[in-house]
Amino acid sequence: MDKVRERELAIQAIPRFMAFSKKKKRVILRDRFDVVLLAMKKDGTYKKGLKHMKVKNNRCC
């Protein structure tokens, strides 16, 4: 196991997105998600999570 190392650079980066179905009328859930995500970006929690997950070059916040 001492020969296994973590690479600094990702081999592949795949964008991720969050979507809510229009058919199921999840308006309340979607709106609450937006509020919580904005609050996380404002207080730094979102960026801290990205750092913890080793996400680099994130242009969204």
PDB file of N, CA and C in Angstrom:
ATOM      1  N   MET A   1       0.810  -1.207   0.000  1.00  0.00           N
ATOM      2  CA  MET A   1       0.000   0.000   0.000  1.00  0.00           C
ATOM      3  C   MET A   1       0.852   1.269   0.000  1.00  0.00           C
ATOM      4  N   ASP A   2       2.095   1.190   0.383  1.00  0.00           N
ATOM      5  CA  ASP A   2       2.912   2.391   0.423  1.00  0.00           C
ATOM      6  C   ASP A   2       3.250   2.905  -0.976  1.00  0.00           C
ATOM      7  N   LYS A   3       2.902   2.160  -2.023  1.00  0.00           N
ATOM      8  CA  LYS A   3       3.148   2.587  -3.392  1.00  0.00           C
ATOM      9  C   LYS A   3       1.967   3.360  -3.981  1.00  0.00           C
ATOM     10  N   VAL A   4       0.845   3.389  -3.296  1.00  0.00           N
ATOM     11  CA  VAL A   4      -0.346   4.095  -3.775  1.00  0.00           C
ATOM     12  C   VAL A   4      -0.274   5.534  -3.290  1.00  0.00           C
ATOM     13  N   ARG A   5      -0.427   6.480  -4.247  1.00  0.00           N
ATOM     14  CA  ARG A   5      -0.380   7.900  -3.902  1.00  0.00           C
ATOM     15  C   ARG A   5      -1.574   8.618  -4.515  1.00  0.00           C
ATOM     16  N   GLU A   6      -1.996   9.666  -3.862  1.00  0.00           N
ATOM     17  CA  GLU A   6      -3.061  10.512  -4.393  1.00  0.00           C
ATOM     18  C   GLU A   6      -2.442  11.518  -5.351  1.00  0.00           C
ATOM     19  N   ARG A   7      -3.063  11.697  -6.509  1.00  0.00           N
ATOM     20  CA  ARG A   7      -2.567  12.673  -7.479  1.00  0.00           C
ATOM     21  C   ARG A   7      -3.121  14.051  -7.156  1.00  0.00           C
ATOM     22  N   GLU A   8      -2.320  15.071  -7.394  1.00  0.00           N
ATOM     23  CA  GLU A   8      -2.764  16.454  -7.185  1.00  0.00           C
ATOM     24  C   GLU A   8      -3.774  16.878  -8.247  1.00  0.00           C
ATOM     25  N   LEU A   9      -3.518  16.500  -9.485  1.00  0.00           N
ATOM     26  CA  LEU A   9      -4.397  16.896 -10.581  1.00  0.00           C
ATOM     27  C   LEU A   9      -5.416  15.803 -10.876  1.00  0.00           C
ATOM     28  N   ALA A  10      -6.622  16.236 -11.123  1.00  0.00           N
ATOM     29  CA  ALA A  10      -7.668  15.278 -11.477  1.00  0.00           C
ATOM     30  C   ALA A  10      -7.421  14.731 -12.869  1.00  0.00           C
ATOM     31  N   ILE A  11      -7.705  13.502 -13.066  1.00  0.00           N
ATOM     32  CA  ILE A  11      -7.583  12.898 -14.386  1.00  0.00           C
ATOM     33  C   ILE A  11      -8.723  13.401 -15.271  1.00  0.00           C
ATOM     34  N   GLN A  12      -9.890  13.543 -14.675  1.00  0.00           N
ATOM     35  CA  GLN A  12     -11.055  13.997 -15.429  1.00  0.00           C
ATOM     36  C   GLN A  12     -11.948  14.802 -14.499  1.00  0.00           C
ATOM     37  N   ALA A  13     -12.500  15.882 -15.010  1.00  0.00           N
ATOM     38  CA  ALA A  13     -13.449  16.690 -14.237  1.00  0.00           C
ATOM     39  C   ALA A  13     -14.807  16.618 -14.925  1.00  0.00           C
ATOM     40  N   ILE A  14     -15.840  16.321 -14.142  1.00  0.00           N
ATOM     41  CA  ILE A  14     -17.186  16.205 -14.685  1.00  0.00           C
ATOM     42  C   ILE A  14     -18.086  17.207 -13.961  1.00  0.00           C
ATOM     43  N   PRO A  15     -18.651  18.178 -14.692  1.00  0.00           N
ATOM     44  CA  PRO A  15     -19.547  19.145 -14.044  1.00  0.00           C
ATOM     45  C   PRO A  15     -20.763  18.444 -13.448  1.00  0.00           C
ATOM     46  N   ARG A  16     -21.241  18.958 -12.331  1.00  0.00           N
ATOM     47  CA  ARG A  16     -22.435  18.415 -11.682  1.00  0.00           C
ATOM     48  C   ARG A  16     -23.493  19.514 -11.602  1.00  0.00           C
ATOM     49  N   PHE A  17     -24.734  19.115 -11.716  1.00  0.00           N
ATOM     50  CA  PHE A  17     -25.838  20.066 -11.672  1.00  0.00           C
ATOM     51  C   PHE A  17     -26.955  19.516 -10.797  1.00  0.00           C
ATOM     52  N   MET A  18     -27.767  20.407 -10.264  1.00  0.00           N
ATOM     53  CA  MET A  18     -28.923  20.034  -9.465  1.00  0.00           C
ATOM     54  C   MET A  18     -30.157  20.493 -10.228  1.00  0.00           C
ATOM     55  N   ALA A  19     -31.141  19.623 -10.369  1.00  0.00           N
ATOM     56  CA  ALA A  19     -32.369  19.976 -11.076  1.00  0.00           C
ATOM     57  C   ALA A  19     -33.569  19.444 -10.302  1.00  0.00           C
ATOM     58  N   PHE A  20     -34.666  20.148 -10.422  1.00  0.00           N
ATOM     59  CA  PHE A  20     -35.915  19.737  -9.788  1.00  0.00           C
ATOM     60  C   PHE A  20     -36.967  19.543 -10.872  1.00  0.00           C
ATOM     61  N   SER A  21     -37.706  18.466 -10.794  1.00  0.00           N
ATOM     62  CA  SER A  21     -38.717  18.141 -11.786  1.00  0.00           C
ATOM     63  C   SER A  21     -39.855  19.159 -11.772  1.00  0.00           C
ATOM     64  N   LYS A  22     -40.237  19.620 -12.941  1.00  0.00           N
ATOM     65  CA  LYS A  22     -41.397  20.514 -13.057  1.00  0.00           C
ATOM     66  C   LYS A  22     -42.694  19.735 -12.933  1.00  0.00           C
ATOM     67  N   LYS A  23     -42.670  18.456 -13.299  1.00  0.00           N
ATOM     68  CA  LYS A  23     -43.865  17.631 -13.258  1.00  0.00           C
ATOM     69  C   LYS A  23     -44.354  17.383 -11.838  1.00  0.00           C
ATOM     70  N   LYS A  24     -43.450  17.299 -10.884  1.00  0.00           N
ATOM     71  CA  LYS A  24     -43.849  16.973  -9.514  1.00  0.00           C
ATOM     72  C   LYS A  24     -44.158  18.204  -8.678  1.00  0.00           C
ATOM     73  N   LYS A  25     -44.065  19.361  -9.275  1.00  0.00           N
ATOM     74  CA  LYS A  25     -44.429  20.614  -8.591  1.00  0.00           C
ATOM     75  C   LYS A  25     -43.674  20.783  -7.265  1.00  0.00           C
ATOM     76  N   ARG A  26     -42.369  20.671  -7.325  1.00  0.00           N
ATOM     77  CA  ARG A  26     -41.517  20.799  -6.137  1.00  0.00           C
ATOM     78  C   ARG A  26     -41.050  22.246  -5.931  1.00  0.00           C
ATOM     79  N   VAL A  27     -41.947  23.188  -6.125  1.00  0.00           N
ATOM     80  CA  VAL A  27     -41.619  24.602  -6.044  1.00  0.00           C
ATOM     81  C   VAL A  27     -41.104  24.971  -4.650  1.00  0.00           C
ATOM     82  N   ILE A  28     -41.739  24.491  -3.620  1.00  0.00           N
ATOM     83  CA  ILE A  28     -41.331  24.823  -2.254  1.00  0.00           C
ATOM     84  C   ILE A  28     -39.934  24.272  -1.970  1.00  0.00           C
ATOM     85  N   LEU A  29     -39.690  23.035  -2.359  1.00  0.00           N
ATOM     86  CA  LEU A  29     -38.374  22.424  -2.168  1.00  0.00           C
ATOM     87  C   LEU A  29     -37.311  23.197  -2.941  1.00  0.00           C
ATOM     88  N   ARG A  30     -37.604  23.527  -4.212  1.00  0.00           N
ATOM     89  CA  ARG A  30     -36.653  24.269  -5.036  1.00  0.00           C
ATOM     90  C   ARG A  30     -36.338  25.631  -4.435  1.00  0.00           C
ATOM     91  N   ASP A  31     -37.359  26.353  -4.000  1.00  0.00           N
ATOM     92  CA  ASP A  31     -37.152  27.672  -3.420  1.00  0.00           C
ATOM     93  C   ASP A  31     -36.369  27.597  -2.121  1.00  0.00           C
ATOM     94  N   ARG A  32     -36.651  26.604  -1.295  1.00  0.00           N
ATOM     95  CA  ARG A  32     -35.919  26.428  -0.038  1.00  0.00           C
ATOM     96  C   ARG A  32     -34.454  26.079  -0.323  1.00  0.00           C
ATOM     97  N   PHE A  33     -34.240  25.223  -1.313  1.00  0.00           N
ATOM     98  CA  PHE A  33     -32.877  24.865  -1.716  1.00  0.00           C
ATOM     99  C   PHE A  33     -32.103  26.120  -2.121  1.00  0.00           C
ATOM    100  N   ASP A  34     -32.731  26.968  -2.935  1.00  0.00           N
ATOM    101  CA  ASP A  34     -32.080  28.206  -3.381  1.00  0.00           C
ATOM    102  C   ASP A  34     -31.703  29.102  -2.206  1.00  0.00           C
ATOM    103  N   VAL A  35     -32.593  29.226  -1.237  1.00  0.00           N
ATOM    104  CA  VAL A  35     -32.346  30.068  -0.062  1.00  0.00           C
ATOM    105  C   VAL A  35     -31.169  29.520   0.752  1.00  0.00           C
ATOM    106  N   VAL A  36     -31.184  28.221   0.993  1.00  0.00           N
ATOM    107  CA  VAL A  36     -30.125  27.601   1.797  1.00  0.00           C
ATOM    108  C   VAL A  36     -28.780  27.665   1.068  1.00  0.00           C
ATOM    109  N   LEU A  37     -28.772  27.410  -0.236  1.00  0.00           N
ATOM    110  CA  LEU A  37     -27.526  27.473  -1.000  1.00  0.00           C
ATOM    111  C   LEU A  37     -26.948  28.886  -0.984  1.00  0.00           C
ATOM    112  N   LEU A  38     -27.782  29.891  -1.160  1.00  0.00           N
ATOM    113  CA  LEU A  38     -27.321  31.278  -1.111  1.00  0.00           C
ATOM    114  C   LEU A  38     -26.744  31.613   0.266  1.00  0.00           C
ATOM    115  N   ALA A  39     -27.418  31.168   1.330  1.00  0.00           N
ATOM    116  CA  ALA A  39     -26.917  31.410   2.688  1.00  0.00           C
ATOM    117  C   ALA A  39     -25.562  30.731   2.899  1.00  0.00           C
ATOM    118  N   MET A  40     -25.414  29.520   2.374  1.00  0.00           N
ATOM    119  CA  MET A  40     -24.137  28.804   2.504  1.00  0.00           C
ATOM    120  C   MET A  40     -23.018  29.530   1.758  1.00  0.00           C
ATOM    121  N   LYS A  41     -23.334  30.099   0.602  1.00  0.00           N
ATOM    122  CA  LYS A  41     -22.327  30.843  -0.151  1.00  0.00           C
ATOM    123  C   LYS A  41     -21.942  32.120   0.584  1.00  0.00           C
ATOM    124  N   LYS A  42     -22.926  32.784   1.196  1.00  0.00           N
ATOM    125  CA  LYS A  42     -22.654  34.031   1.916  1.00  0.00           C
ATOM    126  C   LYS A  42     -21.820  33.822   3.168  1.00  0.00           C
ATOM    127  N   ASP A  43     -22.077  32.733   3.906  1.00  0.00           N
ATOM    128  CA  ASP A  43     -21.349  32.530   5.164  1.00  0.00           C
ATOM    129  C   ASP A  43     -20.059  31.708   5.002  1.00  0.00           C
ATOM    130  N   GLY A  44     -19.771  31.266   3.765  1.00  0.00           N
ATOM    131  CA  GLY A  44     -18.529  30.550   3.512  1.00  0.00           C
ATOM    132  C   GLY A  44     -18.605  29.040   3.666  1.00  0.00           C
ATOM    133  N   THR A  45     -19.743  28.526   4.094  1.00  0.00           N
ATOM    134  CA  THR A  45     -19.901  27.086   4.281  1.00  0.00           C
ATOM    135  C   THR A  45     -19.743  26.334   2.972  1.00  0.00           C
ATOM    136  N   TYR A  46     -20.286  26.889   1.898  1.00  0.00           N
ATOM    137  CA  TYR A  46     -20.206  26.237   0.587  1.00  0.00           C
ATOM    138  C   TYR A  46     -18.753  26.117   0.131  1.00  0.00           C
ATOM    139  N   LYS A  47     -18.013  27.208   0.233  1.00  0.00           N
ATOM    140  CA  LYS A  47     -16.610  27.204  -0.187  1.00  0.00           C
ATOM    141  C   LYS A  47     -15.785  26.264   0.683  1.00  0.00           C
ATOM    142  N   LYS A  48     -16.091  26.221   1.971  1.00  0.00           N
ATOM    143  CA  LYS A  48     -15.388  25.309   2.886  1.00  0.00           C
ATOM    144  C   LYS A  48     -15.634  23.855   2.480  1.00  0.00           C
ATOM    145  N   GLY A  49     -16.864  23.546   2.092  1.00  0.00           N
ATOM    146  CA  GLY A  49     -17.189  22.194   1.645  1.00  0.00           C
ATOM    147  C   GLY A  49     -16.451  21.831   0.369  1.00  0.00           C
ATOM    148  N   LEU A  50     -16.355  22.791  -0.559  1.00  0.00           N
ATOM    149  CA  LEU A  50     -15.618  22.550  -1.794  1.00  0.00           C
ATOM    150  C   LEU A  50     -14.144  22.282  -1.499  1.00  0.00           C
ATOM    151  N   LYS A  51     -13.608  23.052  -0.577  1.00  0.00           N
ATOM    152  CA  LYS A  51     -12.205  22.867  -0.198  1.00  0.00           C
ATOM    153  C   LYS A  51     -12.007  21.491   0.429  1.00  0.00           C
ATOM    154  N   HIS A  52     -12.931  21.093   1.286  1.00  0.00           N
ATOM    155  CA  HIS A  52     -12.862  19.783   1.943  1.00  0.00           C
ATOM    156  C   HIS A  52     -12.901  18.658   0.904  1.00  0.00           C
ATOM    157  N   MET A  53     -13.707  18.842  -0.134  1.00  0.00           N
ATOM    158  CA  MET A  53     -13.839  17.830  -1.186  1.00  0.00           C
ATOM    159  C   MET A  53     -12.753  17.979  -2.259  1.00  0.00           C
ATOM    160  N   LYS A  54     -11.848  18.930  -2.048  1.00  0.00           N
ATOM    161  CA  LYS A  54     -10.717  19.191  -2.957  1.00  0.00           C
ATOM    162  C   LYS A  54     -11.167  19.608  -4.347  1.00  0.00           C
ATOM    163  N   VAL A  55     -12.231  20.413  -4.403  1.00  0.00           N
ATOM    164  CA  VAL A  55     -12.723  20.945  -5.668  1.00  0.00           C
ATOM    165  C   VAL A  55     -11.943  22.220  -5.959  1.00  0.00           C
ATOM    166  N   LYS A  56     -11.350  22.276  -7.146  1.00  0.00           N
ATOM    167  CA  LYS A  56     -10.555  23.447  -7.532  1.00  0.00           C
ATOM    168  C   LYS A  56     -11.172  24.105  -8.750  1.00  0.00           C
ATOM    169  N   ASN A  57     -10.852  25.383  -8.936  1.00  0.00           N
ATOM    170  CA  ASN A  57     -11.314  26.147 -10.092  1.00  0.00           C
ATOM    171  C   ASN A  57     -12.830  26.210 -10.199  1.00  0.00           C
ATOM    172  N   ASN A  58     -13.495  26.371  -9.064  1.00  0.00           N
ATOM    173  CA  ASN A  58     -14.951  26.476  -9.068  1.00  0.00           C
ATOM    174  C   ASN A  58     -15.313  27.947  -9.259  1.00  0.00           C
ATOM    175  N   ARG A  59     -15.949  28.276 -10.359  1.00  0.00           N
ATOM    176  CA  ARG A  59     -16.238  29.664 -10.696  1.00  0.00           C
ATOM    177  C   ARG A  59     -17.596  30.134 -10.211  1.00  0.00           C
ATOM    178  N   CYS A  60     -18.284  29.337  -9.440  1.00  0.00           N
ATOM    179  CA  CYS A  60     -19.669  29.681  -9.094  1.00  0.00           C
ATOM    180  C   CYS A  60     -19.811  30.561  -7.850  1.00  0.00           C
ATOM    181  N   CYS A  61     -18.753  30.699  -7.038  1.00  0.00           N
ATOM    182  CA  CYS A  61     -18.937  31.465  -5.793  1.00  0.00           C
ATOM    183  C   CYS A  61     -17.762  32.361  -5.490  1.00  0.00           C
TER     184      CYS A  61
END
